[in-house]
Protein backbone atom coordinates (compact mmCIF):
# COMPACT_ATOMS: atom_id res chain seq x y z
CA MET A 1 0.22 0.05 -0.08
CA ILE A 2 3.31 2.24 0.89
CA ARG A 3 5.96 2.01 -1.16
CA PHE A 4 9.03 3.52 0.06
CA GLU A 5 12.10 3.36 -3.00
CA ASP A 6 15.37 4.33 -1.72
CA VAL A 7 13.70 7.97 -0.67
CA SER A 8 16.25 10.93 1.15
CA VAL A 9 14.59 14.79 1.33
CA THR A 10 17.14 17.59 1.33
CA TYR A 11 14.94 20.73 2.71
CA ASP A 12 16.57 24.20 1.39
CA GLY A 13 20.08 25.30 3.22
CA ALA A 14 19.87 22.18 5.19
CA PRO A 15 23.69 20.81 4.39
CA GLU A 16 22.85 17.52 3.93
CA PRO A 17 19.78 15.31 3.79
CA THR A 18 17.54 14.83 6.52
CA VAL A 19 16.32 11.41 5.63
CA ARG A 20 18.35 9.20 3.81
CA GLY A 21 17.80 5.75 1.94
CA VAL A 22 14.51 4.91 3.83
CA ASP A 23 13.50 1.87 1.54
CA PHE A 24 11.12 -0.60 2.77
CA GLU A 25 6.90 -1.11 2.37
CA VAL A 26 4.08 -0.76 4.25
CA PRO A 27 1.16 -3.77 3.16
CA GLU A 28 -1.90 -3.43 3.02
CA GLY A 29 -4.09 -3.74 6.63
CA GLU A 30 -0.79 -3.28 9.08
CA LEU A 31 0.26 -0.89 11.44
CA VAL A 32 3.66 0.26 11.26
CA LEU A 33 4.99 2.03 14.24
CA LEU A 34 8.34 4.98 12.60
CA ALA A 35 10.24 5.03 16.12
CA GLY A 36 13.29 6.34 17.02
CA PRO A 37 15.74 9.56 18.52
CA SER A 38 14.00 13.74 18.47
CA GLY A 39 15.06 15.30 14.88
CA VAL A 40 15.69 11.85 13.31
CA GLY A 41 13.23 12.64 10.53
CA LYS A 42 10.78 10.30 11.28
CA SER A 43 7.51 13.71 10.45
CA THR A 44 9.52 13.98 6.99
CA VAL A 45 9.52 10.39 6.34
CA LEU A 46 5.81 10.55 7.43
CA GLY A 47 4.86 13.89 4.94
CA ALA A 48 6.50 12.06 1.84
CA VAL A 49 3.12 9.41 1.93
CA SER A 50 0.85 12.52 2.32
CA GLY A 51 2.37 14.94 -0.40
CA LEU A 52 3.11 17.42 2.45
CA VAL A 53 7.05 16.62 1.62
CA PRO A 54 8.79 18.05 -0.77
CA HIS A 55 5.21 19.79 -2.55
CA PHE A 56 4.42 21.86 0.58
CA THR A 57 7.22 22.14 2.79
CA GLY A 58 9.46 22.28 -0.43
CA GLY A 59 12.90 21.35 -0.14
CA THR A 60 14.40 18.11 -2.67
CA LEU A 61 12.91 14.66 -2.47
CA ARG A 62 15.08 11.94 -4.51
CA GLY A 63 13.74 7.87 -4.65
CA ARG A 64 10.32 7.42 -5.23
CA VAL A 65 7.31 6.97 -3.11
CA THR A 66 4.12 5.62 -4.23
CA VAL A 67 0.23 5.29 -1.77
CA ALA A 68 -2.12 2.98 -3.54
CA GLY A 69 -0.07 3.02 -6.75
CA ARG A 70 -0.06 7.01 -6.88
CA ASP A 71 3.72 8.77 -7.44
CA THR A 72 3.38 11.67 -4.62
CA ARG A 73 5.93 13.09 -6.75
CA THR A 74 3.59 14.27 -9.59
CA HIS A 75 0.15 14.35 -7.34
CA LYS A 76 -0.32 17.35 -5.10
CA PRO A 77 -1.42 16.70 -1.52
CA ARG A 78 -5.30 16.92 -2.48
CA GLU A 79 -5.06 14.86 -4.90
CA LEU A 80 -4.55 11.88 -2.60
CA ALA A 81 -6.35 13.03 -0.65
CA ASP A 82 -9.22 10.08 -0.76
CA VAL A 83 -6.86 7.84 -0.06
CA VAL A 84 -4.99 9.36 2.44
CA GLY A 85 -6.08 10.36 6.01
CA THR A 86 -2.97 12.83 7.72
CA VAL A 87 -2.74 13.74 11.46
CA GLY A 88 0.18 15.64 12.32
CA GLN A 89 1.34 17.21 15.16
CA ASP A 90 -0.31 20.54 15.86
CA PRO A 91 -3.41 20.22 15.23
CA LEU A 92 -4.80 23.57 15.22
CA ALA A 93 -2.88 23.29 11.99
CA HIS A 94 -5.78 20.91 11.08
CA PHE A 95 -9.05 22.12 11.34
CA VAL A 96 -10.54 24.67 8.91
CA THR A 97 -14.12 25.20 11.36
CA ASP A 98 -15.59 26.53 14.48
CA THR A 99 -17.18 23.46 15.49
CA VAL A 100 -16.06 20.00 16.62
CA GLU A 101 -19.04 18.53 14.56
CA ASP A 102 -18.35 20.95 11.39
CA GLU A 103 -14.48 19.09 11.56
CA LEU A 104 -16.32 15.42 11.12
CA ALA A 105 -18.34 16.08 8.43
CA TYR A 106 -15.40 18.69 6.04
CA GLY A 107 -13.47 16.39 4.73
CA MET A 108 -16.10 14.36 3.54
CA GLU A 109 -18.13 17.07 2.16
CA SER A 110 -14.36 18.73 0.01
CA LEU A 111 -15.42 14.58 -1.32
CA GLY A 112 -18.96 14.41 -1.86
CA LEU A 113 -20.09 11.91 0.30
CA ALA A 114 -24.42 12.08 0.67
CA PRO A 115 -25.82 13.73 3.29
CA GLU A 116 -27.18 10.37 4.58
CA VAL A 117 -23.58 8.45 4.25
CA MET A 118 -22.26 12.05 6.10
CA ARG A 119 -24.30 11.67 9.11
CA ARG A 120 -24.57 8.13 9.97
CA ARG A 121 -20.38 8.51 10.06
CA VAL A 122 -20.32 11.83 12.06
CA GLU A 123 -22.12 9.74 15.11
CA GLU A 124 -19.72 6.81 14.58
CA THR A 125 -16.87 9.61 14.82
CA LEU A 126 -19.02 10.95 17.43
CA ASP A 127 -19.15 7.42 19.62
CA LEU A 128 -15.99 6.05 18.82
CA LEU A 129 -13.79 8.93 20.24
CA GLY A 130 -15.81 9.62 22.87
CA LEU A 131 -17.02 12.86 21.77
CA ALA A 132 -20.73 13.43 21.65
CA ASP A 133 -20.92 15.77 24.51
CA LEU A 134 -18.92 17.80 22.43
CA ARG A 135 -20.27 17.89 19.16
CA ASP A 136 -21.62 21.52 19.22
CA ARG A 137 -18.18 23.18 21.81
CA PRO A 138 -16.11 25.59 19.62
CA ILE A 139 -12.75 24.30 18.59
CA ALA A 140 -11.07 27.34 20.22
CA GLY A 141 -12.10 25.89 23.47
CA LEU A 142 -11.79 22.72 23.86
CA SER A 143 -8.75 21.15 25.57
CA GLY A 144 -5.31 19.96 23.74
CA GLY A 145 -6.57 16.25 24.37
CA GLN A 146 -9.56 17.04 23.12
CA ARG A 147 -8.19 18.59 19.72
CA GLN A 148 -6.39 15.73 19.51
CA ARG A 149 -9.25 13.47 19.81
CA VAL A 150 -11.44 16.05 16.97
CA ALA A 151 -8.22 15.80 14.80
CA ILE A 152 -8.29 11.48 14.56
CA GLY A 153 -12.01 11.76 14.08
CA SER A 154 -11.64 14.76 11.11
CA VAL A 155 -10.23 12.11 9.18
CA LEU A 156 -11.57 8.82 10.22
CA THR A 157 -15.53 10.13 8.79
CA PRO A 158 -13.95 10.16 5.24
CA HIS A 159 -12.57 6.03 5.50
CA PRO A 160 -9.33 6.21 3.73
CA ARG A 161 -8.13 3.28 3.09
CA VAL A 162 -4.67 5.02 4.84
CA LEU A 163 -3.29 6.58 8.07
CA VAL A 164 -0.35 8.84 8.93
CA LEU A 165 -0.98 9.66 12.30
CA ASP A 166 1.99 11.75 14.49
CA GLU A 167 2.26 11.73 18.14
CA PRO A 168 -1.16 10.70 17.92
CA THR A 169 -1.00 9.74 21.60
CA SER A 170 0.87 12.99 22.64
CA ALA A 171 -1.42 15.11 24.63
CA LEU A 172 -3.87 12.28 25.37
CA ASP A 173 -5.26 11.10 29.08
CA PRO A 174 -3.98 7.36 29.24
CA ALA A 175 -7.96 6.18 28.96
CA ALA A 176 -8.44 7.96 25.53
CA ALA A 177 -4.95 7.30 24.12
CA GLU A 178 -6.01 3.58 25.24
CA GLU A 179 -9.58 3.58 23.00
CA VAL A 180 -8.53 5.91 20.22
CA LEU A 181 -5.09 3.00 19.32
CA ALA A 182 -8.41 0.28 19.81
CA VAL A 183 -10.42 1.74 17.06
CA LEU A 184 -6.51 2.35 15.16
CA GLN A 185 -6.66 -1.84 16.04
CA ARG A 186 -9.74 -2.44 14.85
CA LEU A 187 -9.69 -0.57 11.65
CA VAL A 188 -6.38 -2.40 10.13
CA HIS A 189 -7.93 -5.90 11.43
CA ASP A 190 -11.29 -5.57 10.07
CA LEU A 191 -11.10 -2.92 7.79
CA GLY A 192 -8.18 -3.47 6.10
CA THR A 193 -6.98 0.23 6.72
CA THR A 194 -2.88 0.84 6.76
CA VAL A 195 -1.11 2.89 9.33
CA LEU A 196 1.58 4.58 9.29
CA MET A 197 2.30 5.81 12.87
CA ALA A 198 4.88 8.01 14.87
CA GLU A 199 5.01 7.75 18.37
CA HIS A 200 8.09 8.64 21.11
CA ARG A 201 5.21 6.91 23.98
CA LEU A 202 6.00 3.48 22.83
CA GLU A 203 5.29 2.19 26.55
CA ARG A 204 1.92 3.13 24.99
CA VAL A 205 1.82 1.56 21.07
CA VAL A 206 4.60 -0.95 21.07
CA GLN A 207 1.98 -3.95 21.41
CA TYR A 208 -0.31 -3.14 19.28
CA ALA A 209 2.16 -3.00 16.14
CA ASP A 210 3.00 -5.57 13.60
CA ARG A 211 6.12 -3.89 12.97
CA ILE A 212 8.54 -0.87 13.50
CA ALA A 213 10.61 0.78 11.42
CA LEU A 214 13.95 2.08 13.87
CA LEU A 215 15.13 6.04 12.49
CA PRO A 216 17.99 5.23 15.64
CA ALA A 217 19.72 8.99 14.14
CA PRO A 218 20.03 11.51 11.79
CA GLY A 219 19.90 10.36 7.67
CA ALA A 220 20.60 6.99 9.34
CA ALA A 221 18.92 3.88 7.01
CA PRO A 222 16.07 2.52 9.15
CA VAL A 223 15.68 -0.94 10.62
CA LEU A 224 12.68 -2.89 10.02
CA GLY A 225 11.67 -5.87 11.61
CA THR A 226 8.73 -7.42 14.67
CA PRO A 227 8.44 -5.68 17.91
CA ALA A 228 10.42 -7.36 19.36
CA GLU A 229 13.18 -7.71 17.23
CA VAL A 230 13.95 -3.66 16.85
CA MET A 231 13.36 -3.42 20.45
CA ALA A 232 16.21 -5.51 21.45
CA VAL A 233 18.72 -3.30 19.39
CA SER A 234 16.69 0.11 19.45
CA PRO A 235 18.72 3.24 21.41
CA VAL A 236 14.62 4.44 22.20
CA TYR A 237 12.62 2.02 24.26
CA PRO A 238 9.64 2.28 26.68
CA PRO A 239 9.85 0.58 30.87
CA VAL A 240 8.79 -2.34 30.67
CA VAL A 241 11.82 -2.91 27.98
CA ASP A 242 14.03 -1.86 30.05
CA LEU A 243 12.90 -3.36 33.10
CA GLY A 244 13.73 -6.41 30.47
CA ARG A 245 17.00 -5.41 30.18
CA LEU A 246 18.10 -4.90 33.28
CA ALA A 247 16.23 -8.44 34.36
CA GLY A 248 17.88 -9.98 31.55
CA TRP A 249 14.54 -11.41 30.42
CA SER A 250 15.20 -13.04 26.76
CA PRO A 251 13.06 -12.28 24.91
CA LEU A 252 12.30 -8.73 25.95
CA PRO A 253 8.30 -8.79 26.84
CA LEU A 254 6.68 -5.48 25.59
CA THR A 255 3.32 -5.13 27.64
CA VAL A 256 3.02 -5.03 31.22
CA ARG A 257 1.08 -8.96 31.11
CA ASP A 258 4.14 -10.87 29.73
CA ALA A 259 7.20 -8.52 31.85
CA ARG A 260 4.61 -10.38 34.93
CA ARG A 261 3.84 -13.52 33.72
CA ARG A 262 8.34 -13.18 34.37
CA ALA A 263 8.26 -11.29 37.85
CA GLY A 264 8.46 -13.38 39.73
CA GLY A 265 12.23 -13.61 40.17
CA LEU A 266 12.43 -10.31 39.74
CA ARG A 267 9.95 -9.11 42.63
CA ASP A 268 11.91 -12.01 45.49
CA ARG A 269 15.18 -10.09 45.16
CA LEU A 270 13.18 -7.51 45.21
CA THR A 271 11.29 -7.90 48.62
CA GLY A 272 12.22 -6.51 51.80
CA ARG A 273 14.08 -3.93 49.37
CA ASP A 274 13.15 -0.33 49.34
CA ALA A 275 12.67 2.08 46.66
CA SER A 276 16.83 3.93 46.66
CA PRO A 277 15.91 7.94 47.94
CA ASP A 278 18.58 7.95 45.25
CA ALA A 279 16.32 6.89 42.30
CA SER A 280 13.01 9.59 43.62
CA PRO A 281 12.92 12.80 44.69
CA ASP A 282 13.41 13.96 47.81
CA ALA A 283 10.88 14.92 50.30
CA PRO A 284 9.81 18.41 49.57
CA PRO A 285 9.16 20.83 52.12
CA THR A 286 6.09 21.30 53.39
CA ALA A 287 4.35 24.64 52.41
CA THR A 288 1.87 26.21 54.73
CA ALA A 289 -0.77 24.49 57.14
CA SER A 290 -3.07 24.83 53.80
CA THR A 291 -1.15 22.34 51.93
CA PRO A 292 -2.70 18.88 51.62
CA PRO A 293 -0.62 15.73 52.55
CA ALA A 294 -1.92 12.36 51.37
CA SER A 295 -5.76 12.84 51.21
CA VAL A 296 -8.29 10.55 53.50
CA PRO A 297 -11.59 9.56 53.21
CA SER A 298 -14.34 12.78 53.87
CA SER A 299 -16.06 10.10 55.44
CA LEU A 300 -13.94 9.27 58.98
CA THR A 301 -14.28 12.89 59.61
CA PRO A 302 -17.21 15.64 59.84
CA SER A 303 -16.69 18.36 57.77
CA PRO A 304 -18.53 20.96 56.21
CA PRO A 305 -20.40 21.03 53.18
CA ALA A 306 -17.96 19.79 50.08
CA PRO A 307 -18.23 20.53 46.45
CA ARG A 308 -20.27 17.66 44.37
CA ARG A 309 -17.13 14.36 43.85
CA ARG A 310 -15.07 15.54 45.55
CA LEU A 311 -13.49 12.26 47.34
CA PHE A 312 -10.64 13.30 49.83
CA ARG A 313 -10.62 16.26 52.03
CA ARG A 314 -7.37 17.52 53.50
CA ALA A 315 -6.04 17.12 56.83
CA PRO A 316 -4.14 20.17 57.84
CA ASP A 317 -0.18 20.10 58.39
CA LYS A 318 0.64 20.52 62.33
CA ALA A 319 4.71 20.04 60.86
CA ALA A 320 6.68 23.95 60.67
CA ALA A 321 6.50 25.38 56.84
CA PRO A 322 8.22 27.85 54.92
CA PRO A 323 5.78 30.66 52.90
CA ALA A 324 4.02 28.90 49.58
CA ALA A 325 5.72 29.70 46.41
CA ALA A 326 1.74 29.75 44.51
CA GLU A 327 -1.69 29.48 46.57
CA VAL A 328 -4.82 28.79 45.13
CA ARG A 329 -8.17 29.33 47.81
CA SER A 330 -11.40 28.60 46.36
CA LEU A 331 -10.83 28.82 43.15
CA ALA A 332 -12.99 29.18 40.00
CA VAL A 333 -12.70 29.92 36.49
CA ARG A 334 -14.86 29.94 33.89
CA ARG A 335 -14.26 29.52 30.73
CA ASP A 336 -16.88 29.85 27.32
CA ARG A 337 -19.89 28.49 29.11
CA VAL A 338 -18.13 26.08 31.06
CA ASP A 339 -16.86 25.38 34.34
CA ALA A 340 -13.08 25.32 34.22
CA LEU A 341 -12.20 24.80 37.52
CA ARG A 342 -14.56 24.81 40.78
CA HIS A 343 -13.72 25.15 44.19
CA VAL A 344 -9.77 24.29 43.90
CA ASP A 345 -7.25 24.54 46.56
CA LEU A 346 -3.70 23.79 46.05
CA ALA A 347 -0.31 25.71 47.55
CA VAL A 348 2.96 24.86 46.43
CA ALA A 349 6.14 24.93 48.74
CA PRO A 350 9.48 26.27 46.70
CA GLY A 351 11.46 22.37 46.02
CA GLU A 352 8.32 20.62 45.32
CA THR A 353 7.44 19.98 41.81
CA VAL A 354 3.66 18.30 41.49
CA ALA A 355 2.10 17.14 38.88
CA LEU A 356 -1.34 17.69 37.85
CA MET A 357 -3.57 14.84 36.37
CA GLY A 358 -6.86 13.80 34.41
CA ARG A 359 -8.73 13.21 32.02
CA ASN A 360 -8.27 16.25 29.06
CA GLY A 361 -11.52 18.38 29.48
CA ALA A 362 -10.46 18.23 33.88
CA GLY A 363 -8.70 21.56 33.93
CA LYS A 364 -5.74 21.03 33.94
CA SER A 365 -4.01 23.75 31.55
CA THR A 366 -6.51 26.36 33.49
CA LEU A 367 -5.38 26.12 36.29
CA LEU A 368 -1.19 27.00 34.93
CA SER A 369 -2.98 29.84 33.28
CA ALA A 370 -4.82 31.26 36.27
CA LEU A 371 -1.56 30.76 38.06
CA VAL A 372 0.45 33.07 35.38
CA GLY A 373 -2.12 35.42 34.70
CA LEU A 374 -3.84 34.53 31.67
CA VAL A 375 -7.32 33.83 33.01
CA THR A 376 -9.50 35.84 35.63
CA PRO A 377 -10.69 34.36 38.73
CA SER A 378 -14.59 33.83 38.29
CA ALA A 379 -14.26 33.22 42.27
CA GLY A 380 -11.66 32.69 44.96
CA SER A 381 -7.83 33.63 44.86
CA VAL A 382 -4.64 32.86 43.30
CA HIS A 383 -1.59 34.18 44.94
CA VAL A 384 2.22 33.62 43.45
CA GLY A 385 5.08 34.90 45.36
CA GLY A 386 3.49 37.17 47.54
CA ALA A 387 0.78 39.19 44.18
CA VAL A 388 -2.05 38.04 42.31
CA PRO A 389 -1.19 36.96 39.09
CA HIS A 390 -3.60 38.30 36.71
CA ARG A 391 -3.14 41.59 38.30
CA THR A 392 0.60 42.01 37.98
CA PRO A 393 1.95 43.88 35.54
CA PRO A 394 3.38 40.99 32.65
CA ARG A 395 7.20 42.71 32.78
CA GLU A 396 7.36 42.17 36.79
CA LEU A 397 5.33 38.03 36.54
CA VAL A 398 7.54 36.75 34.39
CA ARG A 399 10.54 37.16 37.74
CA ARG A 400 8.11 35.18 39.89
CA ALA A 401 6.51 32.87 37.59
CA GLY A 402 7.85 31.76 33.90
CA LEU A 403 5.10 29.37 31.33
CA VAL A 404 5.86 27.38 28.97
CA PRO A 405 2.09 26.35 26.76
CA GLN A 406 1.30 23.58 24.74
CA GLU A 407 2.24 25.36 22.13
CA PRO A 408 5.67 26.14 22.35
CA ARG A 409 6.00 27.45 19.55
CA ASP A 410 3.63 30.65 20.94
CA LEU A 411 7.02 31.69 22.95
CA LEU A 412 8.91 31.32 19.59
CA TYR A 413 9.56 34.37 17.17
CA ALA A 414 13.07 34.52 15.95
CA ASP A 415 14.36 33.97 13.18
CA THR A 416 17.44 31.72 14.14
CA VAL A 417 17.89 29.92 18.22
CA GLY A 418 20.87 31.71 18.34
CA ALA A 419 18.64 35.11 18.02
CA GLU A 420 15.66 33.29 20.59
CA CYS A 421 18.22 32.76 22.92
CA ALA A 422 19.96 36.68 22.68
CA ALA A 423 16.20 37.76 23.57
CA ALA A 424 15.06 36.03 26.36
CA ASP A 425 18.92 37.04 28.36
CA ARG A 426 17.81 40.22 27.05
CA ASP A 427 14.60 39.88 28.58
CA ALA A 428 15.26 38.05 31.82
CA GLY A 429 18.34 40.28 32.04
CA ALA A 430 20.61 37.34 32.58
CA ALA A 431 23.90 37.48 31.35
CA PRO A 432 24.43 36.55 27.75
CA GLY A 433 24.89 32.96 27.57
CA THR A 434 22.55 31.56 29.53
CA CYS A 435 19.72 30.47 27.70
CA ARG A 436 22.51 29.36 24.87
CA ALA A 437 23.76 27.01 27.45
CA LEU A 438 20.38 25.50 28.10
CA VAL A 439 19.61 24.88 25.59
CA THR A 440 22.23 22.91 24.94
CA GLN A 441 22.19 21.09 27.58
CA LEU A 442 18.59 20.20 26.56
CA LEU A 443 19.64 20.20 22.65
CA PRO A 444 23.16 18.92 21.39
CA GLY A 445 24.09 19.40 18.66
CA ILE A 446 21.56 21.72 17.73
CA GLY A 447 23.32 25.09 15.99
CA ASP A 448 22.62 28.69 16.43
CA ASP A 449 21.33 29.37 12.41
CA THR A 450 19.24 26.69 13.50
CA HIS A 451 15.80 28.36 11.88
CA PRO A 452 12.69 27.12 14.96
CA ARG A 453 10.45 26.58 12.77
CA ASP A 454 13.04 23.57 11.56
CA LEU A 455 12.94 21.90 14.28
CA SER A 456 11.10 18.83 15.65
CA GLU A 457 8.16 19.67 17.66
CA GLY A 458 9.89 18.48 20.52
CA GLN A 459 13.04 20.44 20.11
CA ARG A 460 10.83 23.25 19.45
CA LEU A 461 9.86 22.44 23.39
CA ALA A 462 12.81 22.19 24.76
CA LEU A 463 13.88 25.70 23.18
CA ALA A 464 10.44 27.23 24.53
CA LEU A 465 11.51 25.55 28.28
CA ALA A 466 15.11 27.24 28.25
CA VAL A 467 13.83 30.33 26.62
CA VAL A 468 11.57 30.91 30.39
CA LEU A 469 14.63 28.91 32.33
CA ALA A 470 16.92 31.77 31.67
CA ALA A 471 14.91 33.69 34.01
CA ARG A 472 14.99 31.25 36.18
CA PRO A 473 11.55 32.26 38.12
CA PRO A 474 10.66 30.48 41.35
CA LEU A 475 7.29 28.96 39.96
CA LEU A 476 7.98 27.29 36.42
CA LEU A 477 4.29 26.07 35.01
CA LEU A 478 4.76 23.27 32.58
CA ASP A 479 1.90 22.46 30.02
CA GLU A 480 2.84 19.15 28.75
CA PRO A 481 6.77 19.17 29.34
CA THR A 482 6.91 15.79 27.08
CA ARG A 483 5.39 16.65 24.03
CA GLY A 484 6.95 15.64 21.01
CA LEU A 485 10.32 13.78 23.50
CA ASP A 486 12.54 11.17 23.10
CA TYR A 487 13.32 8.76 26.38
CA ALA A 488 16.71 10.64 26.42
CA ALA A 489 15.85 14.12 25.95
CA LYS A 490 13.33 13.52 28.57
CA GLY A 491 15.97 11.54 30.60
CA ARG A 492 17.56 15.03 30.11
CA LEU A 493 14.90 17.72 31.12
CA VAL A 494 13.50 15.28 34.43
CA THR A 495 18.15 15.94 35.38
CA VAL A 496 17.23 19.99 34.70
CA LEU A 497 13.94 19.86 36.80
CA ARG A 498 15.70 18.15 39.55
CA GLY A 499 18.59 20.78 39.32
CA LEU A 500 16.05 23.89 39.46
CA ALA A 501 13.29 21.60 42.81
CA ALA A 502 17.00 21.18 44.60
CA GLU A 503 17.53 24.71 43.94
CA GLY A 504 14.54 25.63 45.60
CA HIS A 505 12.18 26.47 42.46
CA ALA A 506 8.57 25.25 42.38
CA ILE A 507 7.88 23.23 40.08
CA VAL A 508 4.26 22.40 38.10
CA LEU A 509 3.28 20.38 35.67
CA ALA A 510 0.44 19.35 33.82
CA THR A 511 1.36 15.70 32.16
CA HIS A 512 -0.18 13.15 31.14
CA ASP A 513 2.78 11.16 30.84
CA VAL A 514 2.83 9.06 34.35
CA GLU A 515 6.16 7.47 33.45
CA LEU A 516 7.29 11.49 34.17
CA ALA A 517 5.07 11.44 36.37
CA ALA A 518 6.70 8.65 38.45
CA GLU A 519 10.26 10.30 38.28
CA ILE A 520 9.99 13.71 39.69
CA ALA A 521 6.73 14.51 41.27
CA HIS A 522 6.31 14.23 44.94
CA ARG A 523 3.22 15.73 45.10
CA VAL A 524 0.20 13.94 42.57
CA VAL A 525 -3.16 15.82 42.49
CA LEU A 526 -5.54 14.16 40.00
CA LEU A 527 -8.95 16.49 38.45
CA ALA A 528 -11.58 15.80 37.76
CA ASP A 529 -14.71 18.21 36.19
CA GLY A 530 -12.31 21.71 37.32
CA GLU A 531 -12.57 19.94 40.89
CA VAL A 532 -9.41 18.59 42.92
CA ILE A 533 -10.59 14.25 43.90
CA ALA A 534 -6.96 13.62 45.42
CA ASP A 535 -4.41 14.86 46.56
CA GLY A 536 -1.55 13.42 48.06
CA PRO A 537 2.11 11.59 47.32
CA THR A 538 2.93 9.86 44.45
CA ALA A 539 3.41 6.89 45.17
CA ASP A 540 0.10 6.76 47.30
CA ILE A 541 -1.82 8.38 43.74
CA VAL A 542 -0.26 7.13 41.61
CA VAL A 543 -0.60 3.09 42.40
CA SER A 544 -3.88 3.33 43.79
CA SER A 545 -4.70 4.49 39.64
CA PRO A 546 -5.05 2.02 37.43
CA SER A 547 -4.96 4.21 34.49
CA PHE A 548 -2.51 6.46 36.64
CA ALA A 549 0.48 4.01 37.16
CA PRO A 550 3.56 3.84 35.24
CA GLN A 551 4.38 -0.15 33.96
CA VAL A 552 6.80 -0.43 36.83
CA THR A 553 4.36 -0.40 38.98
CA LYS A 554 1.98 -2.53 37.21
CA ILE A 555 4.59 -4.92 36.50
CA LEU A 556 5.67 -5.68 40.19
CA ALA A 557 2.53 -5.47 41.96
CA PRO A 558 1.97 -5.57 45.15
CA GLN A 559 5.11 -3.72 45.22
CA ARG A 560 6.32 -0.20 45.37
CA TRP A 561 8.35 0.53 42.46
CA LEU A 562 7.26 3.22 40.45
CA THR A 563 10.37 3.90 37.93
CA VAL A 564 13.01 1.57 36.98
CA SER A 565 15.92 3.10 37.97
CA GLN A 566 14.62 2.74 41.58
CA VAL A 567 14.47 -1.32 40.20
CA ARG A 568 18.25 0.02 39.37
CA GLU A 569 19.51 1.17 42.58
CA ALA A 570 17.92 -1.24 44.78
CA LEU A 571 19.39 -4.47 42.71
CA ALA A 572 23.30 -2.42 42.65
């Protein structure tokens, strides 16, 4: 169905091809996973299938790409639209209408399908992706994960024979990601749809792949094989494979179920050992008396009337505590006729890392926006370093709090990485070279003359993070900070964030990445429908949650291990 014949792509002004030697075939009715580190050209390979490369991106494509017998060099993207459905890393760039239902119908209208067919397919897709409650909502008012599901749905309704997906689960909560992947598997198995997908969160997708095409390094020819064959040699691999390598299991497990069946001996070796403090965040200081410790059932103690669905109440902390870096009391925010937040209480201490988790649309991004003054509370109060964010001038607030949004391009406006870093140093009043040093730490090998738009999504995210960190704000806010990052880049990010926390910076991150939360978060705060439903130490919250437990926790339960690094330290 898809055939690459010795394909290489060189963009204008680039000294070397972004990809070269791409030569493999994706048969009809297979799901092939495109894997590899950030910046190796996965998006370029996907773009060559849809015709966006080179017709839209420019550059030179050598070799030949055919889809259902059509040569993408001679067929422009619109001439492939009836065969190929494409979802890129940025859902906002995909949308052409204003509401969810209109967006799902647009592709079918362009192909001239009958109204009764369109209506049936829209309803089917709304149900498949859990979008029925959002059908009349404006797309601009949706969360990042909800937009991702709408973008996927809009390419499913025309029933293309080929789906090309770039990081399709990166903005989805674990449950929504499983639903989307189950839909894709059903399309592949039952309808013979061909899927070529790039994804960094291999723990979510590797078990669904028929084969993996690994791009091991920039410009290197891909390695093609079964998931087990490729994971044995891949420089990027999920925690279940990492644990299998550590334990010496052969063949390597690809799923939690496979690993649990073989984990008895490893559990015996770990019995009586505790997670090493060197492999997990140190206990943070307590912020104030209002800082919520581990949650306890509300039924144990009489309490005043609470908002609906609040499952936990907070006991007072009797220990002496430093002032909070950020404090939220009874916060409510209403956006686009929706109660985005209700009755939220939160305190974050200096040196503490807090992970905000919950399903898409739970209010995580809204809470971060309130902390940085981008939204005005409908009720309650927000204080950051003694200031009220929405009443504080931006130039003053940037010294107190910095936000890296889901869309990093919102922070980037210069023509080169070097110019971006120089401007960040000036705006932050930092020594020249501060931002550039952070970029080098997070993005080895990225030159000053590189244009930010030529970076991958993960690389742009790392650049935006360096721009914000140049000001060294006491409160750092991160919205989905691992979108587009491979495991090595995520490890470098974890090192930077741990260093900042050790220096006393408070960090609040909204994330669906359960592995990241397990690595660095002191506390996890779960939100649902705009309310805090649980707040406590990371191990207490995620170990008891089937949705938010990391792979190592699921494999080694009932023992309370969170990460492979903890297990490695204990065995050493």
